[in-house]
N, C-alpha and C. Protein backbone atom coordinates (compact mmCIF):
# COMPACT_ATOMS: atom_id res chain seq x y z
N UNK A 1 9.61 38.45 -54.58
CA UNK A 1 10.23 37.21 -54.40
C UNK A 1 11.02 36.80 -53.58
N UNK A 2 11.78 38.07 -53.45
CA UNK A 2 13.01 38.13 -52.16
C UNK A 2 12.37 38.24 -51.06
N UNK A 3 11.46 39.24 -50.86
CA UNK A 3 10.88 39.34 -49.75
C UNK A 3 10.42 37.86 -49.18
N UNK A 4 9.33 37.02 -50.09
CA UNK A 4 8.98 36.22 -49.83
C UNK A 4 9.99 34.79 -49.17
N UNK A 5 11.40 35.24 -49.93
CA UNK A 5 12.34 34.14 -49.47
C UNK A 5 12.95 34.28 -47.87
N UNK A 6 12.78 36.00 -47.87
CA UNK A 6 13.54 36.08 -46.54
C UNK A 6 12.35 35.71 -45.46
N UNK A 7 10.61 36.10 -45.70
CA UNK A 7 10.13 35.37 -44.81
C UNK A 7 9.93 33.84 -44.58
N UNK A 8 10.59 33.09 -45.24
CA UNK A 8 10.51 31.50 -45.38
C UNK A 8 11.80 31.54 -44.53
N UNK A 9 12.76 32.03 -44.88
CA UNK A 9 14.19 31.85 -44.36
C UNK A 9 13.73 32.15 -42.43
N UNK A 10 13.19 33.30 -41.97
CA UNK A 10 12.69 33.53 -41.02
C UNK A 10 11.95 32.60 -40.13
N UNK A 11 10.83 32.10 -40.92
CA UNK A 11 10.17 30.53 -40.50
C UNK A 11 11.14 29.64 -40.20
N UNK A 12 11.99 29.04 -41.30
CA UNK A 12 12.70 28.31 -40.91
C UNK A 12 13.82 28.38 -39.82
N UNK A 13 14.05 29.48 -39.58
CA UNK A 13 15.16 29.83 -38.01
C UNK A 13 14.30 29.55 -36.93
N UNK A 14 13.50 30.19 -37.11
CA UNK A 14 12.40 30.02 -35.76
C UNK A 14 12.45 28.54 -35.38
N UNK A 15 11.71 28.30 -36.41
CA UNK A 15 11.53 26.50 -36.24
C UNK A 15 12.76 25.94 -35.63
N UNK A 16 14.06 25.96 -36.43
CA UNK A 16 15.09 25.24 -35.81
C UNK A 16 15.24 25.74 -34.35
N UNK A 17 14.99 27.17 -34.17
CA UNK A 17 15.55 27.33 -32.39
C UNK A 17 14.95 27.02 -31.72
N UNK A 18 13.39 26.70 -32.08
CA UNK A 18 12.37 25.81 -31.18
C UNK A 18 12.60 24.99 -30.75
N UNK A 19 13.16 23.78 -32.29
CA UNK A 19 13.31 22.49 -32.04
C UNK A 19 15.03 21.91 -31.36
N UNK A 20 15.64 22.91 -31.05
CA UNK A 20 16.66 23.06 -30.74
C UNK A 20 17.14 23.38 -29.40
N UNK A 21 15.87 23.84 -29.02
CA UNK A 21 15.97 24.24 -27.63
C UNK A 21 16.06 23.06 -26.47
N UNK A 22 16.98 22.21 -26.69
CA UNK A 22 17.24 21.24 -25.83
C UNK A 22 17.78 21.94 -24.42
N UNK A 23 17.64 21.21 -23.13
CA UNK A 23 18.23 21.70 -21.92
C UNK A 23 18.18 20.53 -20.78
N UNK A 24 18.91 21.07 -19.77
CA UNK A 24 18.80 20.31 -18.48
C UNK A 24 17.72 20.97 -17.71
N UNK A 25 16.56 19.90 -17.43
CA UNK A 25 15.42 20.41 -17.01
C UNK A 25 15.30 20.52 -15.63
N UNK A 26 16.43 19.76 -14.98
CA UNK A 26 16.67 19.48 -13.68
C UNK A 26 17.97 19.01 -13.08
N UNK A 27 18.42 19.80 -12.26
CA UNK A 27 19.89 18.73 -11.56
C UNK A 27 20.05 19.19 -10.36
N UNK A 28 19.71 18.09 -9.73
CA UNK A 28 20.01 18.12 -8.37
C UNK A 28 21.66 18.87 -7.39
N UNK A 29 22.49 18.77 -8.20
CA UNK A 29 23.72 19.06 -7.81
C UNK A 29 24.73 19.08 -9.02
N UNK A 30 25.94 19.37 -8.68
CA UNK A 30 26.89 19.58 -10.07
C UNK A 30 27.62 17.88 -9.80
N UNK A 31 28.15 17.70 -11.14
CA UNK A 31 28.88 16.45 -11.29
C UNK A 31 30.32 16.49 -10.77
N UNK A 32 30.45 15.86 -9.54
CA UNK A 32 31.85 15.55 -8.95
C UNK A 32 32.59 14.98 -9.69
N UNK A 33 33.81 14.56 -9.30
CA UNK A 33 34.64 13.35 -10.00
C UNK A 33 34.22 12.42 -10.46
N UNK A 34 34.61 11.94 -11.64
CA UNK A 34 33.95 10.49 -11.47
C UNK A 34 35.25 9.40 -11.81
N UNK A 35 35.30 8.17 -12.09
CA UNK A 35 36.24 7.20 -11.61
C UNK A 35 36.14 6.59 -10.44
N UNK A 36 35.33 6.88 -9.79
CA UNK A 36 35.38 6.28 -8.26
C UNK A 36 35.25 5.03 -8.67
N UNK A 37 36.17 4.12 -7.83
CA UNK A 37 36.04 2.52 -7.88
C UNK A 37 34.96 2.50 -6.57
N UNK A 38 34.07 1.10 -6.79
CA UNK A 38 33.58 0.82 -5.96
C UNK A 38 34.02 0.47 -4.44
N UNK A 39 35.19 0.30 -4.20
CA UNK A 39 35.74 0.08 -2.82
C UNK A 39 35.72 1.27 -2.35
N UNK A 40 36.28 2.30 -2.94
CA UNK A 40 36.01 3.66 -2.31
C UNK A 40 35.03 4.09 -1.99
N UNK A 41 33.70 3.90 -2.62
CA UNK A 41 32.35 4.11 -2.22
C UNK A 41 32.16 3.18 -0.95
N UNK A 42 32.53 1.98 -0.95
CA UNK A 42 31.80 0.98 0.43
C UNK A 42 33.17 1.40 1.66
N UNK A 43 34.28 1.80 1.37
CA UNK A 43 34.98 1.82 2.77
C UNK A 43 34.50 3.81 2.93
N UNK A 44 34.09 4.61 2.21
CA UNK A 44 33.59 5.69 2.81
C UNK A 44 34.73 6.58 2.49
N UNK A 45 35.56 6.12 1.56
CA UNK A 45 36.61 7.34 0.70
C UNK A 45 35.69 8.65 0.04
N UNK A 46 34.92 7.81 -0.76
CA UNK A 46 33.78 8.81 -1.13
C UNK A 46 32.74 8.45 -0.99
N UNK A 47 31.60 9.50 -0.37
CA UNK A 47 30.49 9.20 0.19
C UNK A 47 29.44 9.05 -1.20
N UNK A 48 28.42 8.27 -0.44
CA UNK A 48 27.44 7.68 -1.39
C UNK A 48 26.35 7.36 -0.66
N UNK A 49 25.41 7.22 -1.37
CA UNK A 49 23.97 6.68 -0.90
C UNK A 49 23.56 4.78 -2.19
N UNK A 50 23.35 4.23 -1.27
CA UNK A 50 23.12 2.64 -1.89
C UNK A 50 21.85 3.10 -2.78
N UNK A 51 21.81 1.97 -3.62
CA UNK A 51 20.94 1.94 -4.67
C UNK A 51 20.68 0.49 -4.74
N UNK A 52 19.60 -0.21 -4.49
CA UNK A 52 19.36 -1.48 -4.47
C UNK A 52 17.88 -1.96 -4.50
N UNK A 53 17.81 -3.34 -4.30
CA UNK A 53 16.43 -3.85 -4.53
C UNK A 53 15.76 -3.35 -2.95
N UNK A 54 16.81 -2.98 -2.20
CA UNK A 54 16.20 -2.78 -0.79
C UNK A 54 16.23 -1.24 -0.37
N UNK A 55 17.07 -0.25 -1.22
CA UNK A 55 16.90 1.20 -1.16
C UNK A 55 16.63 2.07 -2.08
N UNK A 56 15.75 2.83 -2.32
CA UNK A 56 15.47 3.56 -3.50
C UNK A 56 15.88 4.96 -2.83
N UNK A 57 16.13 5.75 -3.74
CA UNK A 57 17.07 7.21 -3.32
C UNK A 57 16.38 8.02 -4.52
N UNK A 58 15.63 9.36 -3.97
CA UNK A 58 15.61 10.43 -5.16
C UNK A 58 15.82 11.61 -4.59
N UNK A 59 14.87 12.77 -5.53
CA UNK A 59 14.73 13.96 -5.29
C UNK A 59 13.42 14.83 -5.78
N UNK A 60 12.82 15.78 -4.90
CA UNK A 60 11.89 16.33 -5.74
C UNK A 60 12.15 17.26 -6.31
N UNK A 61 11.36 17.66 -7.53
CA UNK A 61 11.70 18.84 -8.28
C UNK A 61 10.30 19.32 -8.82
N UNK A 62 10.78 20.86 -8.98
CA UNK A 62 9.36 21.41 -9.70
C UNK A 62 9.82 22.29 -11.02
N UNK A 63 8.64 21.66 -11.82
CA UNK A 63 8.75 22.10 -13.69
C UNK A 63 7.82 23.23 -13.36
N UNK A 64 8.31 24.26 -14.12
CA UNK A 64 7.33 25.61 -14.01
C UNK A 64 6.81 25.71 -15.53
N UNK A 65 6.73 25.19 -16.19
CA UNK A 65 6.21 25.42 -17.28
C UNK A 65 6.22 23.54 -18.30
N UNK A 66 5.41 23.31 -19.18
CA UNK A 66 5.38 22.29 -19.94
C UNK A 66 6.66 21.95 -20.62
N UNK A 67 7.02 20.75 -20.54
CA UNK A 67 8.29 20.17 -20.67
C UNK A 67 8.27 18.78 -21.28
N UNK A 68 9.16 18.75 -22.33
CA UNK A 68 9.14 17.05 -22.57
C UNK A 68 10.81 16.53 -22.47
N UNK A 69 10.97 15.49 -21.54
CA UNK A 69 11.87 14.98 -21.11
C UNK A 69 12.51 13.79 -21.95
N UNK A 70 13.91 13.91 -22.03
CA UNK A 70 14.30 12.76 -22.92
C UNK A 70 15.23 11.76 -22.64
N UNK A 71 15.56 12.10 -21.26
CA UNK A 71 16.41 11.21 -20.27
C UNK A 71 16.72 11.47 -19.06
N UNK A 72 16.97 10.41 -18.25
CA UNK A 72 17.33 10.74 -17.00
C UNK A 72 18.36 10.12 -16.60
N UNK A 73 19.22 10.49 -15.50
CA UNK A 73 20.60 9.80 -14.92
C UNK A 73 21.03 10.64 -13.64
N UNK A 74 22.46 10.36 -13.58
CA UNK A 74 22.86 11.01 -12.50
C UNK A 74 24.39 10.12 -12.82
N UNK A 75 25.24 10.29 -11.51
CA UNK A 75 26.32 10.07 -11.06
C UNK A 75 26.39 8.55 -10.16
N UNK A 76 26.60 7.47 -10.72
CA UNK A 76 26.47 6.16 -10.02
C UNK A 76 27.31 5.39 -10.14
N UNK A 77 27.84 4.49 -9.44
CA UNK A 77 28.74 3.48 -9.67
C UNK A 77 28.52 2.06 -9.25
N UNK A 78 28.69 1.04 -9.76
CA UNK A 78 28.25 -0.36 -9.77
C UNK A 78 29.03 -1.31 -8.62
N UNK A 79 28.28 -2.01 -7.94
CA UNK A 79 28.73 -2.99 -7.10
C UNK A 79 29.52 -4.12 -7.72
N UNK A 80 30.42 -4.42 -7.32
CA UNK A 80 30.99 -5.65 -8.25
C UNK A 80 30.77 -6.64 -8.13
N UNK A 81 29.88 -6.91 -7.05
CA UNK A 81 29.53 -8.62 -6.75
C UNK A 81 28.08 -8.79 -7.21
N UNK A 82 27.17 -7.21 -8.29
CA UNK A 82 25.92 -7.63 -8.04
C UNK A 82 25.94 -7.35 -9.80
N UNK A 83 24.63 -7.80 -10.08
CA UNK A 83 24.27 -7.13 -11.46
C UNK A 83 24.32 -5.68 -11.78
N UNK A 84 24.57 -5.46 -13.23
CA UNK A 84 24.45 -3.89 -13.39
C UNK A 84 23.35 -3.07 -13.64
N UNK A 85 21.91 -3.42 -13.72
CA UNK A 85 21.08 -2.78 -13.91
C UNK A 85 20.22 -2.26 -12.79
N UNK A 86 19.58 -0.64 -13.06
CA UNK A 86 18.96 -0.20 -12.16
C UNK A 86 17.85 0.69 -12.73
N UNK A 87 16.78 1.13 -12.14
CA UNK A 87 15.77 1.94 -12.94
C UNK A 87 16.04 3.11 -12.52
N UNK A 88 15.34 3.84 -13.23
CA UNK A 88 14.68 5.39 -12.83
C UNK A 88 13.57 5.73 -13.22
N UNK A 89 12.53 6.66 -12.58
CA UNK A 89 11.39 6.68 -12.71
C UNK A 89 11.31 8.12 -12.35
N UNK A 90 10.09 8.63 -12.77
CA UNK A 90 9.61 10.17 -12.88
C UNK A 90 8.35 9.75 -11.86
N UNK A 91 8.11 10.36 -10.75
CA UNK A 91 6.90 10.47 -10.17
C UNK A 91 6.04 11.71 -10.01
N UNK A 92 4.64 11.69 -10.15
CA UNK A 92 4.05 13.31 -10.14
C UNK A 92 3.70 13.11 -8.68
N UNK A 93 4.16 14.40 -7.98
CA UNK A 93 3.66 14.55 -6.61
C UNK A 93 2.93 15.96 -6.42
N UNK A 94 1.92 16.16 -5.58
CA UNK A 94 0.90 16.77 -5.04
C UNK A 94 1.35 18.29 -4.80
N UNK A 95 2.30 18.31 -4.21
CA UNK A 95 2.86 19.63 -3.49
C UNK A 95 4.70 19.07 -3.18
N UNK A 96 5.27 20.21 -2.72
CA UNK A 96 6.75 20.09 -2.26
C UNK A 96 6.83 19.25 -1.23
N UNK A 97 5.84 18.93 -0.71
CA UNK A 97 5.91 17.88 0.79
C UNK A 97 5.72 16.38 0.44
N UNK A 98 5.14 16.40 -0.60
CA UNK A 98 4.31 14.87 -0.68
C UNK A 98 5.75 13.85 -1.37
N UNK A 99 5.43 12.60 -1.17
CA UNK A 99 5.80 11.59 -1.32
C UNK A 99 5.34 10.76 -2.49
N UNK A 100 6.02 9.69 -3.35
CA UNK A 100 5.27 8.72 -4.27
C UNK A 100 4.10 7.87 -3.68
N UNK A 101 3.00 7.54 -3.68
CA UNK A 101 1.89 6.94 -3.49
C UNK A 101 2.15 5.77 -3.02
N UNK A 102 3.11 5.12 -3.41
CA UNK A 102 3.42 3.41 -2.92
C UNK A 102 4.92 3.24 -3.11
N UNK A 103 5.33 2.39 -2.15
CA UNK A 103 6.45 2.14 -1.67
C UNK A 103 6.98 0.99 -3.25
N UNK A 104 6.30 0.68 -3.58
CA UNK A 104 6.73 -0.33 -4.79
C UNK A 104 6.88 0.44 -6.04
N UNK A 105 6.19 1.67 -5.89
CA UNK A 105 5.75 2.36 -7.35
C UNK A 105 4.98 1.86 -8.46
N UNK A 106 3.98 1.19 -7.51
CA UNK A 106 3.21 0.50 -8.70
C UNK A 106 1.83 1.37 -8.89
N UNK A 107 1.86 2.45 -8.50
CA UNK A 107 0.44 3.60 -8.37
C UNK A 107 0.24 4.35 -9.41
N UNK A 108 -0.84 4.90 -10.03
CA UNK A 108 -0.90 5.85 -11.12
C UNK A 108 -0.08 7.08 -10.95
N UNK A 109 0.40 7.47 -9.88
CA UNK A 109 1.37 8.59 -9.88
C UNK A 109 2.91 8.54 -10.73
N UNK A 110 3.10 7.22 -10.95
CA UNK A 110 4.82 6.84 -11.54
C UNK A 110 3.95 7.24 -13.06
N UNK A 111 4.75 8.47 -13.30
CA UNK A 111 4.70 8.93 -14.94
C UNK A 111 5.79 8.20 -16.00
N UNK A 112 6.42 7.36 -15.54
CA UNK A 112 7.32 6.76 -16.27
C UNK A 112 8.66 6.17 -15.93
N UNK A 113 9.08 5.10 -16.58
CA UNK A 113 10.22 4.70 -15.76
C UNK A 113 11.15 3.89 -16.84
N UNK A 114 12.51 4.03 -16.68
CA UNK A 114 13.73 3.48 -17.39
C UNK A 114 14.51 2.70 -16.78
N UNK A 115 15.56 1.90 -17.74
CA UNK A 115 16.73 0.82 -17.26
C UNK A 115 17.66 1.94 -17.43
N UNK A 116 19.01 1.80 -16.71
CA UNK A 116 19.97 2.27 -16.37
C UNK A 116 21.15 1.38 -16.03
N UNK A 117 22.21 1.61 -16.43
CA UNK A 117 23.38 0.72 -16.51
C UNK A 117 24.48 1.11 -14.97
N UNK A 118 24.60 0.58 -14.10
CA UNK A 118 25.60 0.93 -12.99
C UNK A 118 26.89 0.75 -14.11
N UNK A 119 28.02 1.97 -14.08
CA UNK A 119 29.16 1.89 -14.48
C UNK A 119 30.09 1.42 -13.22
N UNK A 120 31.63 1.01 -13.59
CA UNK A 120 32.51 0.72 -12.69
C UNK A 120 33.80 0.75 -13.40
N UNK A 121 34.55 1.72 -12.85
CA UNK A 121 34.34 2.71 -11.83
C UNK A 121 33.45 3.80 -11.81
N UNK A 122 33.05 4.46 -11.40
CA UNK A 122 31.82 5.29 -11.31
C UNK A 122 31.84 6.62 -12.44
N UNK A 123 30.69 7.13 -12.96
CA UNK A 123 30.02 7.86 -14.37
C UNK A 123 29.01 8.48 -14.14
N UNK A 124 28.87 9.48 -14.95
CA UNK A 124 27.62 10.00 -15.30
C UNK A 124 26.57 9.01 -16.34
N UNK A 125 25.31 8.09 -16.03
CA UNK A 125 25.06 7.62 -16.86
C UNK A 125 23.83 7.88 -17.13
N UNK A 126 22.98 7.76 -17.97
CA UNK A 126 21.35 7.98 -18.81
C UNK A 126 21.08 6.90 -18.82
N UNK A 127 19.36 7.09 -18.78
CA UNK A 127 18.54 5.91 -19.64
C UNK A 127 17.59 7.10 -20.24
N UNK A 128 16.92 6.45 -21.30
CA UNK A 128 16.02 7.32 -22.24
C UNK A 128 14.89 7.35 -21.44
N UNK A 129 14.08 8.44 -21.57
CA UNK A 129 12.65 8.41 -21.06
C UNK A 129 12.07 9.70 -21.50
N UNK A 130 11.27 9.24 -22.73
CA UNK A 130 10.60 10.70 -23.30
C UNK A 130 9.27 10.71 -22.81
N UNK A 131 8.80 11.92 -22.06
CA UNK A 131 7.70 12.05 -21.16
C UNK A 131 7.32 13.51 -21.34
N UNK A 132 6.11 13.81 -21.30
CA UNK A 132 5.26 15.32 -21.37
C UNK A 132 5.05 15.63 -19.76
N UNK A 133 5.54 16.38 -19.27
CA UNK A 133 5.55 16.55 -18.12
C UNK A 133 5.06 18.24 -17.82
N UNK A 134 3.57 18.37 -17.26
CA UNK A 134 3.16 19.77 -16.86
C UNK A 134 3.89 20.25 -15.96
N UNK A 135 3.56 21.65 -15.89
CA UNK A 135 3.84 22.63 -14.49
C UNK A 135 3.32 21.49 -13.17
N UNK A 136 4.27 21.62 -12.25
CA UNK A 136 4.12 20.94 -10.74
C UNK A 136 5.28 20.45 -10.47
N UNK A 137 4.86 19.48 -9.51
CA UNK A 137 5.78 19.04 -8.62
C UNK A 137 6.15 17.24 -8.81
N UNK A 138 7.28 17.16 -9.08
CA UNK A 138 7.54 15.80 -9.25
C UNK A 138 8.81 15.01 -8.34
N UNK A 139 8.98 13.69 -8.43
CA UNK A 139 10.22 13.08 -7.83
C UNK A 139 10.86 12.71 -9.22
N UNK A 140 12.08 12.21 -9.07
CA UNK A 140 13.05 11.49 -9.60
C UNK A 140 13.81 10.81 -8.92
N UNK A 141 13.22 9.38 -9.04
CA UNK A 141 13.88 8.15 -7.77
C UNK A 141 14.82 7.36 -9.10
N UNK A 142 15.54 6.59 -7.93
CA UNK A 142 16.25 5.27 -8.23
C UNK A 142 16.35 4.24 -7.52
N UNK A 143 16.38 2.89 -7.77
CA UNK A 143 16.24 1.64 -7.26
C UNK A 143 16.59 0.78 -8.18
N UNK A 144 16.49 -0.44 -7.71
CA UNK A 144 16.39 -1.88 -8.47
C UNK A 144 15.23 -3.18 -8.23
N UNK A 145 15.33 -3.79 -8.42
CA UNK A 145 14.00 -4.74 -8.22
C UNK A 145 13.00 -4.51 -8.46
N UNK A 146 12.58 -3.44 -9.43
CA UNK A 146 11.40 -3.26 -10.26
C UNK A 146 11.64 -2.94 -11.73
N UNK A 147 10.82 -2.73 -12.51
CA UNK A 147 10.79 -2.51 -13.92
C UNK A 147 11.84 -3.06 -14.65
N UNK A 148 12.37 -4.66 -14.12
CA UNK A 148 13.55 -5.33 -14.78
C UNK A 148 14.51 -5.13 -14.45
N UNK A 149 14.92 -4.28 -13.41
CA UNK A 149 16.19 -4.12 -12.99
C UNK A 149 16.61 -5.18 -11.63
N UNK A 150 17.60 -5.12 -11.81
CA UNK A 150 18.12 -6.63 -11.05
C UNK A 150 19.53 -6.31 -10.15
N UNK A 151 20.52 -5.10 -10.66
CA UNK A 151 21.28 -4.88 -10.37
C UNK A 151 21.40 -4.40 -8.71
N UNK A 152 22.88 -3.55 -8.29
CA UNK A 152 23.16 -3.00 -6.95
C UNK A 152 24.66 -2.32 -7.47
N UNK A 153 24.12 -0.84 -6.17
CA UNK A 153 24.89 -0.45 -6.67
C UNK A 153 24.93 1.10 -5.72
N UNK A 154 25.85 2.19 -6.10
CA UNK A 154 25.02 3.32 -5.48
C UNK A 154 25.07 4.74 -5.96
N UNK A 155 24.74 5.55 -5.32
CA UNK A 155 24.75 7.03 -5.96
C UNK A 155 26.01 7.78 -5.31
N UNK A 156 26.72 8.32 -6.07
CA UNK A 156 28.31 9.04 -5.71
C UNK A 156 27.54 10.41 -4.80
N UNK A 157 28.30 10.79 -3.73
CA UNK A 157 27.92 12.00 -3.25
C UNK A 157 29.34 12.94 -3.16
N UNK A 158 29.73 13.16 -4.28
CA UNK A 158 30.93 14.06 -4.64
C UNK A 158 30.67 15.38 -5.22
N UNK A 159 29.59 15.91 -5.50
CA UNK A 159 29.15 17.05 -6.16
C UNK A 159 29.16 17.88 -5.32
N UNK A 160 28.22 19.41 -5.56
CA UNK A 160 27.80 20.04 -4.50
C UNK A 160 26.12 20.56 -4.97
N UNK A 161 25.48 20.67 -3.96
CA UNK A 161 24.11 20.69 -4.05
C UNK A 161 24.00 21.94 -5.00
N UNK A 162 22.84 21.85 -5.61
CA UNK A 162 22.41 23.08 -6.35
C UNK A 162 21.14 23.34 -5.85
N UNK A 163 21.21 24.79 -4.98
CA UNK A 163 19.99 25.20 -4.23
C UNK A 163 19.98 24.37 -3.08
N UNK A 164 18.78 24.29 -2.66
CA UNK A 164 18.49 23.39 -1.76
C UNK A 164 17.46 22.20 -2.25
N UNK A 165 18.35 21.26 -2.78
CA UNK A 165 17.17 19.87 -3.11
C UNK A 165 16.77 19.30 -1.81
N UNK A 166 15.53 18.64 -2.09
CA UNK A 166 15.24 17.77 -0.92
C UNK A 166 15.12 16.07 -1.56
N UNK A 167 16.05 15.74 -0.84
CA UNK A 167 16.03 14.16 -1.18
C UNK A 167 15.12 13.34 -0.59
N UNK A 168 14.72 12.29 -0.93
CA UNK A 168 14.14 11.15 -0.16
C UNK A 168 14.22 9.80 -0.95
N UNK A 169 13.97 9.02 0.20
CA UNK A 169 14.31 7.54 0.44
C UNK A 169 13.09 6.50 0.62
N UNK A 170 13.58 5.07 0.50
CA UNK A 170 12.35 4.02 0.88
C UNK A 170 13.31 3.00 0.82
N UNK A 171 12.99 2.32 2.09
CA UNK A 171 13.83 1.11 2.32
C UNK A 171 12.79 0.06 2.44
N UNK A 172 13.37 -1.01 1.43
CA UNK A 172 12.66 -2.37 1.40
C UNK A 172 11.09 -2.43 1.05
N UNK A 173 10.70 -1.44 0.36
CA UNK A 173 9.18 -1.31 -0.03
C UNK A 173 8.32 -0.43 1.10
N UNK A 174 8.98 -0.02 2.07
CA UNK A 174 8.16 0.69 3.20
C UNK A 174 7.89 2.20 2.62
N UNK A 175 7.64 3.10 3.52
CA UNK A 175 6.62 4.42 3.21
C UNK A 175 8.11 5.02 2.99
N UNK A 176 7.90 5.97 2.02
CA UNK A 176 9.12 7.19 1.61
C UNK A 176 9.31 8.13 3.05
N UNK A 177 10.13 8.54 2.75
CA UNK A 177 10.63 9.41 3.94
C UNK A 177 11.78 10.42 3.46
N UNK A 178 11.81 11.75 4.08
CA UNK A 178 12.93 12.83 3.62
C UNK A 178 14.44 12.38 4.37
N UNK A 179 15.16 12.43 3.28
CA UNK A 179 16.64 11.83 3.94
C UNK A 179 17.32 12.83 4.94
N UNK A 180 16.72 13.82 5.15
CA UNK A 180 16.94 14.86 6.01
C UNK A 180 16.58 14.04 7.45
N UNK A 181 15.93 13.46 7.74
CA UNK A 181 15.44 12.82 8.70
C UNK A 181 16.56 12.05 9.28
N UNK A 182 17.34 11.55 8.60
CA UNK A 182 18.71 10.82 9.13
C UNK A 182 19.97 11.78 9.23
N UNK A 183 19.90 13.04 8.81
CA UNK A 183 20.72 14.13 9.18
C UNK A 183 21.59 13.91 10.41
N UNK A 184 21.23 13.34 11.56
CA UNK A 184 21.62 12.93 12.81
C UNK A 184 22.84 12.13 12.61
N UNK A 185 22.46 11.13 11.67
CA UNK A 185 23.40 9.85 11.42
C UNK A 185 24.58 10.54 10.11
N UNK A 186 23.55 10.57 9.08
CA UNK A 186 24.44 11.05 7.78
C UNK A 186 24.25 12.00 7.11
N UNK A 187 24.45 13.05 6.69
CA UNK A 187 23.87 14.38 5.64
C UNK A 187 23.84 13.72 4.33
N UNK A 188 23.06 13.37 3.87
CA UNK A 188 22.53 12.68 2.47
C UNK A 188 22.41 14.09 1.56
N UNK A 189 23.64 14.31 1.61
CA UNK A 189 23.73 15.64 0.16
C UNK A 189 24.36 15.77 -1.10
N UNK A 190 24.31 16.40 -1.91
CA UNK A 190 25.50 16.44 -2.94
C UNK A 190 25.41 15.32 -3.83
N UNK A 191 24.06 15.00 -3.96
CA UNK A 191 23.81 13.70 -5.17
C UNK A 191 23.75 14.70 -6.80
N UNK A 192 23.85 13.44 -7.30
CA UNK A 192 24.07 14.44 -8.78
C UNK A 192 22.97 13.44 -9.56
N UNK A 193 21.52 14.19 -9.74
CA UNK A 193 20.61 13.36 -10.54
C UNK A 193 20.14 14.51 -11.47
N UNK A 194 19.81 14.02 -12.54
CA UNK A 194 19.74 15.07 -13.59
C UNK A 194 18.38 14.90 -14.70
N UNK A 195 17.84 15.88 -15.24
CA UNK A 195 16.47 15.15 -16.15
C UNK A 195 17.02 16.42 -17.30
N UNK A 196 16.97 15.70 -18.25
CA UNK A 196 17.08 16.58 -19.66
C UNK A 196 16.02 16.53 -20.51
N UNK A 197 16.17 17.49 -21.48
CA UNK A 197 14.69 17.50 -22.10
C UNK A 197 14.86 18.54 -22.83
N UNK A 198 13.35 19.05 -23.72
CA UNK A 198 13.36 20.40 -23.98
C UNK A 198 12.17 21.23 -23.93
N UNK A 199 12.42 22.31 -23.72
CA UNK A 199 10.96 23.35 -23.34
C UNK A 199 10.90 24.06 -24.37
N UNK A 200 9.53 23.74 -24.75
CA UNK A 200 9.01 24.61 -25.79
C UNK A 200 7.65 25.33 -25.27
N UNK A 201 7.95 26.93 -25.04
CA UNK A 201 7.20 27.54 -24.49
C UNK A 201 6.07 27.76 -25.54
N UNK A 202 4.71 27.91 -24.78
CA UNK A 202 3.39 27.79 -25.75
C UNK A 202 3.59 28.82 -26.66
N UNK A 203 4.08 30.03 -26.69
CA UNK A 203 3.92 31.25 -27.52
C UNK A 203 4.92 30.82 -28.69
N UNK A 204 5.59 29.52 -28.64
CA UNK A 204 6.60 29.36 -29.72
C UNK A 204 5.52 29.28 -31.18
N UNK A 205 4.45 28.59 -30.82
CA UNK A 205 3.63 28.01 -32.18
C UNK A 205 2.77 29.22 -32.70
N UNK A 206 2.88 30.36 -31.62
CA UNK A 206 2.03 31.71 -31.90
C UNK A 206 2.38 32.21 -32.52
N UNK A 207 4.27 32.43 -32.58
CA UNK A 207 5.19 33.22 -33.24
C UNK A 207 5.46 32.75 -34.27
N UNK A 208 5.57 31.52 -35.05
CA UNK A 208 5.53 31.13 -36.07
C UNK A 208 4.38 31.55 -36.90
N UNK A 209 2.93 31.43 -36.38
CA UNK A 209 1.94 31.65 -36.79
C UNK A 209 2.27 33.49 -37.52
N UNK A 210 2.50 34.06 -36.32
CA UNK A 210 2.57 35.44 -36.63
C UNK A 210 3.68 36.02 -38.17
N UNK A 211 4.82 35.15 -37.72
CA UNK A 211 5.69 35.59 -39.05
C UNK A 211 5.06 35.10 -40.22
N UNK A 212 4.35 33.96 -40.25
CA UNK A 212 3.44 33.91 -41.63
C UNK A 212 2.73 34.34 -41.95
N UNK A 213 1.91 35.26 -40.96
CA UNK A 213 0.97 36.33 -41.33
C UNK A 213 1.68 37.34 -41.73
N UNK A 214 2.42 38.12 -41.14
CA UNK A 214 3.15 39.15 -41.52
C UNK A 214 3.84 39.04 -42.83
N UNK A 215 4.25 37.88 -43.10
CA UNK A 215 4.66 37.58 -44.52
C UNK A 215 4.12 38.21 -45.64
N UNK A 216 3.03 37.33 -45.13
CA UNK A 216 1.78 37.19 -46.00
C UNK A 216 1.42 38.75 -46.42
N UNK A 217 0.93 39.44 -45.27
CA UNK A 217 0.67 40.65 -45.30
C UNK A 217 1.47 41.64 -45.90
N UNK A 218 2.32 41.47 -45.74
CA UNK A 218 3.61 42.54 -46.21
C UNK A 218 4.34 41.93 -47.67
N UNK A 219 4.14 40.80 -48.07
CA UNK A 219 4.48 40.41 -49.44
C UNK A 219 4.19 41.76 -50.34
N UNK A 220 5.19 41.56 -51.64
CA UNK A 220 4.95 42.37 -52.42
C UNK A 220 4.14 41.68 -53.61
N UNK A 221 3.31 42.11 -53.77
CA UNK A 221 2.29 41.39 -55.08
C UNK A 221 3.10 41.11 -56.14
N UNK A 222 2.84 39.93 -56.94
CA UNK A 222 3.61 39.40 -57.99
C UNK A 222 2.49 39.39 -59.44
N UNK A 223 2.96 40.12 -60.46
CA UNK A 223 2.16 40.49 -61.27
C UNK A 223 2.50 39.69 -62.76
N UNK A 224 1.72 39.51 -63.16
CA UNK A 224 1.78 38.50 -64.75
C UNK A 224 2.75 39.41 -65.49
N UNK A 225 3.61 38.59 -66.15
CA UNK A 225 4.66 39.58 -66.84
C UNK A 225 5.95 39.58 -66.32
N UNK A 226 6.08 39.98 -64.94
CA UNK A 226 6.93 40.16 -64.23
C UNK A 226 8.31 39.49 -64.15
C-alpha cells in the first residue's frame, strides 16, 4: 500500500509540474520604466511608436514547439484625447521574412485577436488570448479600428531589445513593411511586446504513462488476509 501511495504521489507531482509550467513564450524587449505620461510620449521625451486606426505595429517571433498562449500585451500609453481600446493579434507567417497576408488583418492567417486597454500613464497591459500554436513563425501585432477597437495611443520604447527582434508596421491598411526600412529617420527599437502561456512537451503525457506503468509493474501484490 505504501508503494502504491508513493507512485500515486509521483503521478500527482508530475501532473502538477506539467500544468504549472507557465512561461513567457516570447518578449521582444525588457520592460522599461512605466508611468510615462502621454505628454512625454508626444514631445519625444520618451520614445515610442503610434498605435491607432492608421498605424499598426508588431514583431515577428518563432516558436520551436507546441504551446498554448494565455495572454498578450506590452508597454503602452493612452492618447488622452482618444478612446482607450486597442487590439492585439497573432498572425501565422510562412517564414522569418513573411508579413501578414492583409493590411486589415481579414485573412485566414490571423490566428486570433483580443482587446486591450491603453493605460494613462503608461504601464504594461495584457489581453486574454488562448490559442494553441504549433512550431513556426508568427507575428504579434497591435492596432485599432479592427476587432471592435476604437482607441489611440502608443507603444513605449524605453526598454532594451532582447536579441534582434524584427519589428513590422502598417499604415492605413497598406502593405506591411519592416520598421528597419525607416531607420534613416527613426530607430524603431526597444519595444516591449510579450506573449505568455504554457509549454507542454509532447513527452509529458508519455512520462505520466511510464510512471503509471512502472508503479503497476513493481507494486507489491496484496494478498487476502493481509
